[in-house]
Amino acid sequence: SDSVKGRFTISRDNAKNTVYLQMNSLEPDDTAVFYCAARLTPVIS
């Protein structure tokens, strides 16, 4: 999203079936409950 671009980095470790979200330069507006989600069908766009 535009609000986190340049501050957050998403990455994955396929062997561990784990996805990460590195969050830097955090701001009070980043306060929230963060949810992880998985898609099990091909990505069209």
ModelCIF file with pLDDT and N, C-alpha, C, O atoms, coordinates in Angstrom:
data_MODEL
#
_entry.id   MODEL 
#
_entity.id                         1 
_entity.type                       polymer 
_entity.pdbx_number_of_molecules   1 
#
_entity_poly.entity_id                      1 
_entity_poly.type                           'polypeptide(L)' 
_entity_poly.nstd_linkage                   no 
_entity_poly.nstd_monomer                   no 
_entity_poly.pdbx_seq_one_letter_code       SDSVKGRFTISRDNAKNTVYLQMNSLEPDDTAVFYCAARLTPVIS 
_entity_poly.pdbx_seq_one_letter_code_can   SDSVKGRFTISRDNAKNTVYLQMNSLEPDDTAVFYCAARLTPVIS 
_entity_poly.pdbx_strand_id                 A 
#
loop_
_entity_poly_seq.entity_id 
_entity_poly_seq.num 
_entity_poly_seq.mon_id 
_entity_poly_seq.hetero 
1 1  SER n 
1 2  ASP n 
1 3  SER n 
1 4  VAL n 
1 5  LYS n 
1 6  GLY n 
1 7  ARG n 
1 8  PHE n 
1 9  THR n 
1 10 ILE n 
1 11 SER n 
1 12 ARG n 
1 13 ASP n 
1 14 ASN n 
1 15 ALA n 
1 16 LYS n 
1 17 ASN n 
1 18 THR n 
1 19 VAL n 
1 20 TYR n 
1 21 LEU n 
1 22 GLN n 
1 23 MET n 
1 24 ASN n 
1 25 SER n 
1 26 LEU n 
1 27 GLU n 
1 28 PRO n 
1 29 ASP n 
1 30 ASP n 
1 31 THR n 
1 32 ALA n 
1 33 VAL n 
1 34 PHE n 
1 35 TYR n 
1 36 CYS n 
1 37 ALA n 
1 38 ALA n 
1 39 ARG n 
1 40 LEU n 
1 41 THR n 
1 42 PRO n 
1 43 VAL n 
1 44 ILE n 
1 45 SER n 
#
_struct_asym.id          A 
_struct_asym.entity_id   1 
#
loop_
_ma_qa_metric.id 
_ma_qa_metric.mode 
_ma_qa_metric.name 
_ma_qa_metric.software_group_id 
_ma_qa_metric.type 
1 global pLDDT . pLDDT 
2 local  pLDDT . pLDDT 
#
_ma_qa_metric_global.metric_id      1 
_ma_qa_metric_global.metric_value   94.62 
_ma_qa_metric_global.model_id       1 
_ma_qa_metric_global.ordinal_id     1 
#
loop_
_ma_qa_metric_local.label_asym_id 
_ma_qa_metric_local.label_comp_id 
_ma_qa_metric_local.label_seq_id 
_ma_qa_metric_local.metric_id 
_ma_qa_metric_local.metric_value 
_ma_qa_metric_local.model_id 
_ma_qa_metric_local.ordinal_id 
A SER 1  2 97.00 1 1  
A ASP 2  2 97.00 1 2  
A SER 3  2 97.00 1 3  
A VAL 4  2 98.00 1 4  
A LYS 5  2 97.00 1 5  
A GLY 6  2 97.00 1 6  
A ARG 7  2 98.00 1 7  
A PHE 8  2 98.00 1 8  
A THR 9  2 98.00 1 9  
A ILE 10 2 97.00 1 10 
A SER 11 2 96.00 1 11 
A ARG 12 2 93.00 1 12 
A ASP 13 2 92.00 1 13 
A ASN 14 2 88.00 1 14 
A ALA 15 2 89.00 1 15 
A LYS 16 2 91.00 1 16 
A ASN 17 2 91.00 1 17 
A THR 18 2 94.00 1 18 
A VAL 19 2 96.00 1 19 
A TYR 20 2 97.00 1 20 
A LEU 21 2 98.00 1 21 
A GLN 22 2 98.00 1 22 
A MET 23 2 98.00 1 23 
A ASN 24 2 98.00 1 24 
A SER 25 2 98.00 1 25 
A LEU 26 2 98.00 1 26 
A GLU 27 2 97.00 1 27 
A PRO 28 2 97.00 1 28 
A ASP 29 2 96.00 1 29 
A ASP 30 2 98.00 1 30 
A THR 31 2 98.00 1 31 
A ALA 32 2 98.00 1 32 
A VAL 33 2 98.00 1 33 
A PHE 34 2 98.00 1 34 
A TYR 35 2 98.00 1 35 
A CYS 36 2 97.00 1 36 
A ALA 37 2 97.00 1 37 
A ALA 38 2 95.00 1 38 
A ARG 39 2 93.00 1 39 
A LEU 40 2 90.00 1 40 
A THR 41 2 88.00 1 41 
A PRO 42 2 87.00 1 42 
A VAL 43 2 83.00 1 43 
A ILE 44 2 78.00 1 44 
A SER 45 2 83.00 1 45 
#
loop_
_atom_site.group_PDB 
_atom_site.id 
_atom_site.type_symbol 
_atom_site.label_atom_id 
_atom_site.label_alt_id 
_atom_site.label_comp_id 
_atom_site.label_asym_id 
_atom_site.label_entity_id 
_atom_site.label_seq_id 
_atom_site.pdbx_PDB_ins_code 
_atom_site.Cartn_x 
_atom_site.Cartn_y 
_atom_site.Cartn_z 
_atom_site.occupancy 
_atom_site.B_iso_or_equiv 
_atom_site.pdbx_formal_charge 
_atom_site.auth_seq_id 
_atom_site.auth_comp_id 
_atom_site.auth_asym_id 
_atom_site.auth_atom_id 
_atom_site.pdbx_PDB_model_num 
ATOM 1   N N  . SER A 1 1  ? 0.860  -1.177  0.000   1.00 97.00 ? 1  SER A N  1 
ATOM 2   C CA . SER A 1 1  ? 0.000  0.000   0.000   1.00 97.00 ? 1  SER A CA 1 
ATOM 3   C C  . SER A 1 1  ? 0.903  1.235   0.000   1.00 97.00 ? 1  SER A C  1 
ATOM 4   O O  . SER A 1 1  ? 2.055  1.176   0.429   1.00 97.00 ? 1  SER A O  1 
ATOM 5   N N  . ASP A 1 2  ? 0.372  2.326   -0.477  1.00 97.00 ? 2  ASP A N  1 
ATOM 6   C CA . ASP A 1 2  ? 1.155  3.565   -0.541  1.00 97.00 ? 2  ASP A CA 1 
ATOM 7   C C  . ASP A 1 2  ? 1.586  4.018   0.847   1.00 97.00 ? 2  ASP A C  1 
ATOM 8   O O  . ASP A 1 2  ? 2.643  4.629   1.003   1.00 97.00 ? 2  ASP A O  1 
ATOM 9   N N  . SER A 1 3  ? 0.775  3.722   1.851   1.00 97.00 ? 3  SER A N  1 
ATOM 10  C CA . SER A 1 3  ? 1.058  4.211   3.199   1.00 97.00 ? 3  SER A CA 1 
ATOM 11  C C  . SER A 1 3  ? 2.257  3.521   3.855   1.00 97.00 ? 3  SER A C  1 
ATOM 12  O O  . SER A 1 3  ? 2.825  4.053   4.809   1.00 97.00 ? 3  SER A O  1 
ATOM 13  N N  . VAL A 1 4  ? 2.647  2.347   3.358   1.00 98.00 ? 4  VAL A N  1 
ATOM 14  C CA . VAL A 1 4  ? 3.762  1.629   3.981   1.00 98.00 ? 4  VAL A CA 1 
ATOM 15  C C  . VAL A 1 4  ? 4.944  1.452   3.036   1.00 98.00 ? 4  VAL A C  1 
ATOM 16  O O  . VAL A 1 4  ? 6.011  1.010   3.462   1.00 98.00 ? 4  VAL A O  1 
ATOM 17  N N  . LYS A 1 5  ? 4.773  1.786   1.775   1.00 97.00 ? 5  LYS A N  1 
ATOM 18  C CA . LYS A 1 5  ? 5.849  1.595   0.795   1.00 97.00 ? 5  LYS A CA 1 
ATOM 19  C C  . LYS A 1 5  ? 7.089  2.359   1.228   1.00 97.00 ? 5  LYS A C  1 
ATOM 20  O O  . LYS A 1 5  ? 7.020  3.540   1.568   1.00 97.00 ? 5  LYS A O  1 
ATOM 21  N N  . GLY A 1 6  ? 8.215  1.676   1.210   1.00 97.00 ? 6  GLY A N  1 
ATOM 22  C CA . GLY A 1 6  ? 9.466  2.284   1.636   1.00 97.00 ? 6  GLY A CA 1 
ATOM 23  C C  . GLY A 1 6  ? 9.769  2.097   3.106   1.00 97.00 ? 6  GLY A C  1 
ATOM 24  O O  . GLY A 1 6  ? 10.904 2.304   3.535   1.00 97.00 ? 6  GLY A O  1 
ATOM 25  N N  . ARG A 1 7  ? 8.774  1.710   3.888   1.00 98.00 ? 7  ARG A N  1 
ATOM 26  C CA . ARG A 1 7  ? 8.976  1.481   5.328   1.00 98.00 ? 7  ARG A CA 1 
ATOM 27  C C  . ARG A 1 7  ? 8.835  0.009   5.696   1.00 98.00 ? 7  ARG A C  1 
ATOM 28  O O  . ARG A 1 7  ? 9.545  -0.482  6.573   1.00 98.00 ? 7  ARG A O  1 
ATOM 29  N N  . PHE A 1 8  ? 7.929  -0.694  5.035   1.00 98.00 ? 8  PHE A N  1 
ATOM 30  C CA . PHE A 1 8  ? 7.667  -2.099  5.327   1.00 98.00 ? 8  PHE A CA 1 
ATOM 31  C C  . PHE A 1 8  ? 8.218  -2.970  4.197   1.00 98.00 ? 8  PHE A C  1 
ATOM 32  O O  . PHE A 1 8  ? 8.252  -2.560  3.036   1.00 98.00 ? 8  PHE A O  1 
ATOM 33  N N  . THR A 1 9  ? 8.644  -4.171  4.560   1.00 98.00 ? 9  THR A N  1 
ATOM 34  C CA . THR A 1 9  ? 9.127  -5.140  3.583   1.00 98.00 ? 9  THR A CA 1 
ATOM 35  C C  . THR A 1 9  ? 8.514  -6.498  3.874   1.00 98.00 ? 9  THR A C  1 
ATOM 36  O O  . THR A 1 9  ? 8.614  -7.011  4.989   1.00 98.00 ? 9  THR A O  1 
ATOM 37  N N  . ILE A 1 10 ? 7.876  -7.079  2.855   1.00 97.00 ? 10 ILE A N  1 
ATOM 38  C CA . ILE A 1 10 ? 7.306  -8.419  2.989   1.00 97.00 ? 10 ILE A CA 1 
ATOM 39  C C  . ILE A 1 10 ? 8.267  -9.414  2.353   1.00 97.00 ? 10 ILE A C  1 
ATOM 40  O O  . ILE A 1 10 ? 8.865  -9.139  1.313   1.00 97.00 ? 10 ILE A O  1 
ATOM 41  N N  . SER A 1 11 ? 8.407  -10.562 2.981   1.00 96.00 ? 11 SER A N  1 
ATOM 42  C CA . SER A 1 11 ? 9.281  -11.611 2.450   1.00 96.00 ? 11 SER A CA 1 
ATOM 43  C C  . SER A 1 11 ? 8.706  -12.952 2.857   1.00 96.00 ? 11 SER A C  1 
ATOM 44  O O  . SER A 1 11 ? 7.823  -13.033 3.711   1.00 96.00 ? 11 SER A O  1 
ATOM 45  N N  . ARG A 1 12 ? 9.229  -14.020 2.225   1.00 93.00 ? 12 ARG A N  1 
ATOM 46  C CA . ARG A 1 12 ? 8.730  -15.339 2.589   1.00 93.00 ? 12 ARG A CA 1 
ATOM 47  C C  . ARG A 1 12 ? 9.869  -16.340 2.599   1.00 93.00 ? 12 ARG A C  1 
ATOM 48  O O  . ARG A 1 12 ? 10.880 -16.191 1.913   1.00 93.00 ? 12 ARG A O  1 
ATOM 49  N N  . ASP A 1 13 ? 9.657  -17.366 3.406   1.00 92.00 ? 13 ASP A N  1 
ATOM 50  C CA . ASP A 1 13 ? 10.587 -18.501 3.459   1.00 92.00 ? 13 ASP A CA 1 
ATOM 51  C C  . ASP A 1 13 ? 9.759  -19.715 3.069   1.00 92.00 ? 13 ASP A C  1 
ATOM 52  O O  . ASP A 1 13 ? 9.003  -20.252 3.878   1.00 92.00 ? 13 ASP A O  1 
ATOM 53  N N  . ASN A 1 14 ? 9.912  -20.144 1.814   1.00 88.00 ? 14 ASN A N  1 
ATOM 54  C CA . ASN A 1 14 ? 9.077  -21.240 1.313   1.00 88.00 ? 14 ASN A CA 1 
ATOM 55  C C  . ASN A 1 14 ? 9.303  -22.524 2.103   1.00 88.00 ? 14 ASN A C  1 
ATOM 56  O O  . ASN A 1 14 ? 8.360  -23.279 2.342   1.00 88.00 ? 14 ASN A O  1 
ATOM 57  N N  . ALA A 1 15 ? 10.525 -22.772 2.504   1.00 89.00 ? 15 ALA A N  1 
ATOM 58  C CA . ALA A 1 15 ? 10.833 -24.009 3.223   1.00 89.00 ? 15 ALA A CA 1 
ATOM 59  C C  . ALA A 1 15 ? 10.127 -24.058 4.575   1.00 89.00 ? 15 ALA A C  1 
ATOM 60  O O  . ALA A 1 15 ? 9.743  -25.127 5.050   1.00 89.00 ? 15 ALA A O  1 
ATOM 61  N N  . LYS A 1 16 ? 9.964  -22.898 5.182   1.00 91.00 ? 16 LYS A N  1 
ATOM 62  C CA . LYS A 1 16 ? 9.321  -22.838 6.496   1.00 91.00 ? 16 LYS A CA 1 
ATOM 63  C C  . LYS A 1 16 ? 7.844  -22.479 6.399   1.00 91.00 ? 16 LYS A C  1 
ATOM 64  O O  . LYS A 1 16 ? 7.158  -22.388 7.418   1.00 91.00 ? 16 LYS A O  1 
ATOM 65  N N  . ASN A 1 17 ? 7.347  -22.274 5.172   1.00 91.00 ? 17 ASN A N  1 
ATOM 66  C CA . ASN A 1 17 ? 5.943  -21.868 4.984   1.00 91.00 ? 17 ASN A CA 1 
ATOM 67  C C  . ASN A 1 17 ? 5.613  -20.664 5.858   1.00 91.00 ? 17 ASN A C  1 
ATOM 68  O O  . ASN A 1 17 ? 4.576  -20.626 6.520   1.00 91.00 ? 17 ASN A O  1 
ATOM 69  N N  . THR A 1 18 ? 6.493  -19.699 5.849   1.00 94.00 ? 18 THR A N  1 
ATOM 70  C CA . THR A 1 18 ? 6.355  -18.535 6.708   1.00 94.00 ? 18 THR A CA 1 
ATOM 71  C C  . THR A 1 18 ? 6.520  -17.256 5.892   1.00 94.00 ? 18 THR A C  1 
ATOM 72  O O  . THR A 1 18 ? 7.383  -17.163 5.018   1.00 94.00 ? 18 THR A O  1 
ATOM 73  N N  . VAL A 1 19 ? 5.690  -16.294 6.190   1.00 96.00 ? 19 VAL A N  1 
ATOM 74  C CA . VAL A 1 19 ? 5.811  -14.969 5.571   1.00 96.00 ? 19 VAL A CA 1 
ATOM 75  C C  . VAL A 1 19 ? 6.120  -13.969 6.679   1.00 96.00 ? 19 VAL A C  1 
ATOM 76  O O  . VAL A 1 19 ? 5.638  -14.096 7.804   1.00 96.00 ? 19 VAL A O  1 
ATOM 77  N N  . TYR A 1 20 ? 6.927  -12.981 6.339   1.00 97.00 ? 20 TYR A N  1 
ATOM 78  C CA . TYR A 1 20 ? 7.371  -11.984 7.302   1.00 97.00 ? 20 TYR A CA 1 
ATOM 79  C C  . TYR A 1 20 ? 6.954  -10.591 6.849   1.00 97.00 ? 20 TYR A C  1 
ATOM 80  O O  . TYR A 1 20 ? 6.768  -10.335 5.660   1.00 97.00 ? 20 TYR A O  1 
ATOM 81  N N  . LEU A 1 21 ? 6.812  -9.700  7.821   1.00 98.00 ? 21 LEU A N  1 
ATOM 82  C CA . LEU A 1 21 ? 6.589  -8.294  7.515   1.00 98.00 ? 21 LEU A CA 1 
ATOM 83  C C  . LEU A 1 21 ? 7.535  -7.497  8.398   1.00 98.00 ? 21 LEU A C  1 
ATOM 84  O O  . LEU A 1 21 ? 7.305  -7.344  9.597   1.00 98.00 ? 21 LEU A O  1 
ATOM 85  N N  . GLN A 1 22 ? 8.598  -6.994  7.794   1.00 98.00 ? 22 GLN A N  1 
ATOM 86  C CA . GLN A 1 22 ? 9.536  -6.137  8.509   1.00 98.00 ? 22 GLN A CA 1 
ATOM 87  C C  . GLN A 1 22 ? 9.015  -4.718  8.459   1.00 98.00 ? 22 GLN A C  1 
ATOM 88  O O  . GLN A 1 22 ? 8.828  -4.157  7.379   1.00 98.00 ? 22 GLN A O  1 
ATOM 89  N N  . MET A 1 23 ? 8.780  -4.134  9.620   1.00 98.00 ? 23 MET A N  1 
ATOM 90  C CA . MET A 1 23 ? 8.197  -2.800  9.700   1.00 98.00 ? 23 MET A CA 1 
ATOM 91  C C  . MET A 1 23 ? 9.194  -1.849  10.345  1.00 98.00 ? 23 MET A C  1 
ATOM 92  O O  . MET A 1 23 ? 9.554  -2.002  11.512  1.00 98.00 ? 23 MET A O  1 
ATOM 93  N N  . ASN A 1 24 ? 9.627  -0.876  9.578   1.00 98.00 ? 24 ASN A N  1 
ATOM 94  C CA . ASN A 1 24 ? 10.582 0.126   10.064  1.00 98.00 ? 24 ASN A CA 1 
ATOM 95  C C  . ASN A 1 24 ? 9.916  1.500   10.087  1.00 98.00 ? 24 ASN A C  1 
ATOM 96  O O  . ASN A 1 24 ? 8.865  1.711   9.482   1.00 98.00 ? 24 ASN A O  1 
ATOM 97  N N  . SER A 1 25 ? 10.551 2.425   10.796  1.00 98.00 ? 25 SER A N  1 
ATOM 98  C CA . SER A 1 25 ? 10.042 3.809   10.880  1.00 98.00 ? 25 SER A CA 1 
ATOM 99  C C  . SER A 1 25 ? 8.564  3.822   11.243  1.00 98.00 ? 25 SER A C  1 
ATOM 100 O O  . SER A 1 25 ? 7.771  4.524   10.615  1.00 98.00 ? 25 SER A O  1 
ATOM 101 N N  . LEU A 1 26 ? 8.202  3.059   12.237  1.00 98.00 ? 26 LEU A N  1 
ATOM 102 C CA . LEU A 1 26 ? 6.796  2.943   12.612  1.00 98.00 ? 26 LEU A CA 1 
ATOM 103 C C  . LEU A 1 26 ? 6.250  4.276   13.123  1.00 98.00 ? 26 LEU A C  1 
ATOM 104 O O  . LEU A 1 26 ? 6.951  5.061   13.761  1.00 98.00 ? 26 LEU A O  1 
ATOM 105 N N  . GLU A 1 27 ? 4.995  4.494   12.822  1.00 97.00 ? 27 GLU A N  1 
ATOM 106 C CA . GLU A 1 27 ? 4.295  5.725   13.188  1.00 97.00 ? 27 GLU A CA 1 
ATOM 107 C C  . GLU A 1 27 ? 3.066  5.361   14.020  1.00 97.00 ? 27 GLU A C  1 
ATOM 108 O O  . GLU A 1 27 ? 2.558  4.245   13.917  1.00 97.00 ? 27 GLU A O  1 
ATOM 109 N N  . PRO A 1 28 ? 2.585  6.298   14.847  1.00 97.00 ? 28 PRO A N  1 
ATOM 110 C CA . PRO A 1 28 ? 1.383  6.011   15.635  1.00 97.00 ? 28 PRO A CA 1 
ATOM 111 C C  . PRO A 1 28 ? 0.199  5.567   14.773  1.00 97.00 ? 28 PRO A C  1 
ATOM 112 O O  . PRO A 1 28 ? -0.630 4.777   15.224  1.00 97.00 ? 28 PRO A O  1 
ATOM 113 N N  . ASP A 1 29 ? 0.115  6.067   13.543  1.00 96.00 ? 29 ASP A N  1 
ATOM 114 C CA . ASP A 1 29 ? -0.978 5.670   12.647  1.00 96.00 ? 29 ASP A CA 1 
ATOM 115 C C  . ASP A 1 29 ? -0.862 4.227   12.199  1.00 96.00 ? 29 ASP A C  1 
ATOM 116 O O  . ASP A 1 29 ? -1.802 3.696   11.608  1.00 96.00 ? 29 ASP A O  1 
ATOM 117 N N  . ASP A 1 30 ? 0.253  3.578   12.459  1.00 98.00 ? 30 ASP A N  1 
ATOM 118 C CA . ASP A 1 30 ? 0.394  2.167   12.123  1.00 98.00 ? 30 ASP A CA 1 
ATOM 119 C C  . ASP A 1 30 ? -0.234 1.274   13.182  1.00 98.00 ? 30 ASP A C  1 
ATOM 120 O O  . ASP A 1 30 ? -0.317 0.061   12.986  1.00 98.00 ? 30 ASP A O  1 
ATOM 121 N N  . THR A 1 31 ? -0.676 1.835   14.290  1.00 98.00 ? 31 THR A N  1 
ATOM 122 C CA . THR A 1 31 ? -1.304 1.059   15.355  1.00 98.00 ? 31 THR A CA 1 
ATOM 123 C C  . THR A 1 31 ? -2.545 0.352   14.826  1.00 98.00 ? 31 THR A C  1 
ATOM 124 O O  . THR A 1 31 ? -3.458 0.988   14.300  1.00 98.00 ? 31 THR A O  1 
ATOM 125 N N  . ALA A 1 32 ? -2.569 -0.971  14.970  1.00 98.00 ? 32 ALA A N  1 
ATOM 126 C CA . ALA A 1 32 ? -3.670 -1.763  14.435  1.00 98.00 ? 32 ALA A CA 1 
ATOM 127 C C  . ALA A 1 32 ? -3.460 -3.221  14.810  1.00 98.00 ? 32 ALA A C  1 
ATOM 128 O O  . ALA A 1 32 ? -2.404 -3.607  15.313  1.00 98.00 ? 32 ALA A O  1 
ATOM 129 N N  . VAL A 1 33 ? -4.480 -4.015  14.557  1.00 98.00 ? 33 VAL A N  1 
ATOM 130 C CA . VAL A 1 33 ? -4.328 -5.467  14.583  1.00 98.00 ? 33 VAL A CA 1 
ATOM 131 C C  . VAL A 1 33 ? -3.930 -5.880  13.169  1.00 98.00 ? 33 VAL A C  1 
ATOM 132 O O  . VAL A 1 33 ? -4.612 -5.553  12.197  1.00 98.00 ? 33 VAL A O  1 
ATOM 133 N N  . PHE A 1 34 ? -2.828 -6.594  13.072  1.00 98.00 ? 34 PHE A N  1 
ATOM 134 C CA . PHE A 1 34 ? -2.319 -7.042  11.774  1.00 98.00 ? 34 PHE A CA 1 
ATOM 135 C C  . PHE A 1 34 ? -2.718 -8.494  11.551  1.00 98.00 ? 34 PHE A C  1 
ATOM 136 O O  . PHE A 1 34 ? -2.542 -9.347  12.421  1.00 98.00 ? 34 PHE A O  1 
ATOM 137 N N  . TYR A 1 35 ? -3.260 -8.754  10.361  1.00 98.00 ? 35 TYR A N  1 
ATOM 138 C CA . TYR A 1 35 ? -3.733 -10.080 9.999   1.00 98.00 ? 35 TYR A CA 1 
ATOM 139 C C  . TYR A 1 35 ? -2.945 -10.617 8.817   1.00 98.00 ? 35 TYR A C  1 
ATOM 140 O O  . TYR A 1 35 ? -2.611 -9.892  7.880   1.00 98.00 ? 35 TYR A O  1 
ATOM 141 N N  . CYS A 1 36 ? -2.660 -11.899 8.889   1.00 97.00 ? 36 CYS A N  1 
ATOM 142 C CA . CYS A 1 36 ? -2.027 -12.612 7.797   1.00 97.00 ? 36 CYS A CA 1 
ATOM 143 C C  . CYS A 1 36 ? -3.121 -13.355 7.039   1.00 97.00 ? 36 CYS A C  1 
ATOM 144 O O  . CYS A 1 36 ? -4.086 -13.831 7.636   1.00 97.00 ? 36 CYS A O  1 
ATOM 145 N N  . ALA A 1 37 ? -2.963 -13.453 5.701   1.00 97.00 ? 37 ALA A N  1 
ATOM 146 C CA . ALA A 1 37 ? -3.947 -14.147 4.884   1.00 97.00 ? 37 ALA A CA 1 
ATOM 147 C C  . ALA A 1 37 ? -3.257 -14.960 3.802   1.00 97.00 ? 37 ALA A C  1 
ATOM 148 O O  . ALA A 1 37 ? -2.163 -14.621 3.351   1.00 97.00 ? 37 ALA A O  1 
ATOM 149 N N  . ALA A 1 38 ? -3.914 -16.035 3.395   1.00 95.00 ? 38 ALA A N  1 
ATOM 150 C CA . ALA A 1 38 ? -3.356 -16.918 2.366   1.00 95.00 ? 38 ALA A CA 1 
ATOM 151 C C  . ALA A 1 38 ? -4.354 -17.107 1.237   1.00 95.00 ? 38 ALA A C  1 
ATOM 152 O O  . ALA A 1 38 ? -5.559 -17.226 1.457   1.00 95.00 ? 38 ALA A O  1 
ATOM 153 N N  . ARG A 1 39 ? -3.824 -17.132 0.028   1.00 93.00 ? 39 ARG A N  1 
ATOM 154 C CA . ARG A 1 39 ? -4.641 -17.362 -1.171  1.00 93.00 ? 39 ARG A CA 1 
ATOM 155 C C  . ARG A 1 39 ? -4.258 -18.699 -1.768  1.00 93.00 ? 39 ARG A C  1 
ATOM 156 O O  . ARG A 1 39 ? -3.079 -18.958 -2.005  1.00 93.00 ? 39 ARG A O  1 
ATOM 157 N N  . LEU A 1 40 ? -5.244 -19.556 -2.013  1.00 90.00 ? 40 LEU A N  1 
ATOM 158 C CA . LEU A 1 40 ? -4.983 -20.905 -2.505  1.00 90.00 ? 40 LEU A CA 1 
ATOM 159 C C  . LEU A 1 40 ? -5.414 -21.104 -3.951  1.00 90.00 ? 40 LEU A C  1 
ATOM 160 O O  . LEU A 1 40 ? -5.543 -22.240 -4.409  1.00 90.00 ? 40 LEU A O  1 
ATOM 161 N N  . THR A 1 41 ? -5.637 -20.017 -4.671  1.00 88.00 ? 41 THR A N  1 
ATOM 162 C CA . THR A 1 41 ? -5.961 -20.113 -6.088  1.00 88.00 ? 41 THR A CA 1 
ATOM 163 C C  . THR A 1 41 ? -5.012 -19.222 -6.870  1.00 88.00 ? 41 THR A C  1 
ATOM 164 O O  . THR A 1 41 ? -4.465 -18.269 -6.315  1.00 88.00 ? 41 THR A O  1 
ATOM 165 N N  . PRO A 1 42 ? -4.805 -19.516 -8.164  1.00 87.00 ? 42 PRO A N  1 
ATOM 166 C CA . PRO A 1 42 ? -3.844 -18.732 -8.956  1.00 87.00 ? 42 PRO A CA 1 
ATOM 167 C C  . PRO A 1 42 ? -4.150 -17.243 -8.942  1.00 87.00 ? 42 PRO A C  1 
ATOM 168 O O  . PRO A 1 42 ? -5.308 -16.825 -8.921  1.00 87.00 ? 42 PRO A O  1 
ATOM 169 N N  . VAL A 1 43 ? -3.098 -16.467 -8.953  1.00 83.00 ? 43 VAL A N  1 
ATOM 170 C CA . VAL A 1 43 ? -3.224 -15.005 -8.955  1.00 83.00 ? 43 VAL A CA 1 
ATOM 171 C C  . VAL A 1 43 ? -3.331 -14.519 -10.394 1.00 83.00 ? 43 VAL A C  1 
ATOM 172 O O  . VAL A 1 43 ? -2.429 -14.745 -11.200 1.00 83.00 ? 43 VAL A O  1 
ATOM 173 N N  . ILE A 1 44 ? -4.428 -13.854 -10.710 1.00 78.00 ? 44 ILE A N  1 
ATOM 174 C CA . ILE A 1 44 ? -4.641 -13.346 -12.067 1.00 78.00 ? 44 ILE A CA 1 
ATOM 175 C C  . ILE A 1 44 ? -3.941 -11.992 -12.235 1.00 78.00 ? 44 ILE A C  1 
ATOM 176 O O  . ILE A 1 44 ? -3.304 -11.735 -13.256 1.00 78.00 ? 44 ILE A O  1 
ATOM 177 N N  . SER A 1 45 ? -4.066 -11.145 -11.232 1.00 83.00 ? 45 SER A N  1 
ATOM 178 C CA . SER A 1 45 ? -3.416 -9.849  -11.284 1.00 83.00 ? 45 SER A CA 1 
ATOM 179 C C  . SER A 1 45 ? -3.085 -9.399  -9.877  1.00 83.00 ? 45 SER A C  1 
ATOM 180 O O  . SER A 1 45 ? -2.526 -8.319  -9.689  1.00 83.00 ? 45 SER A O  1 
#
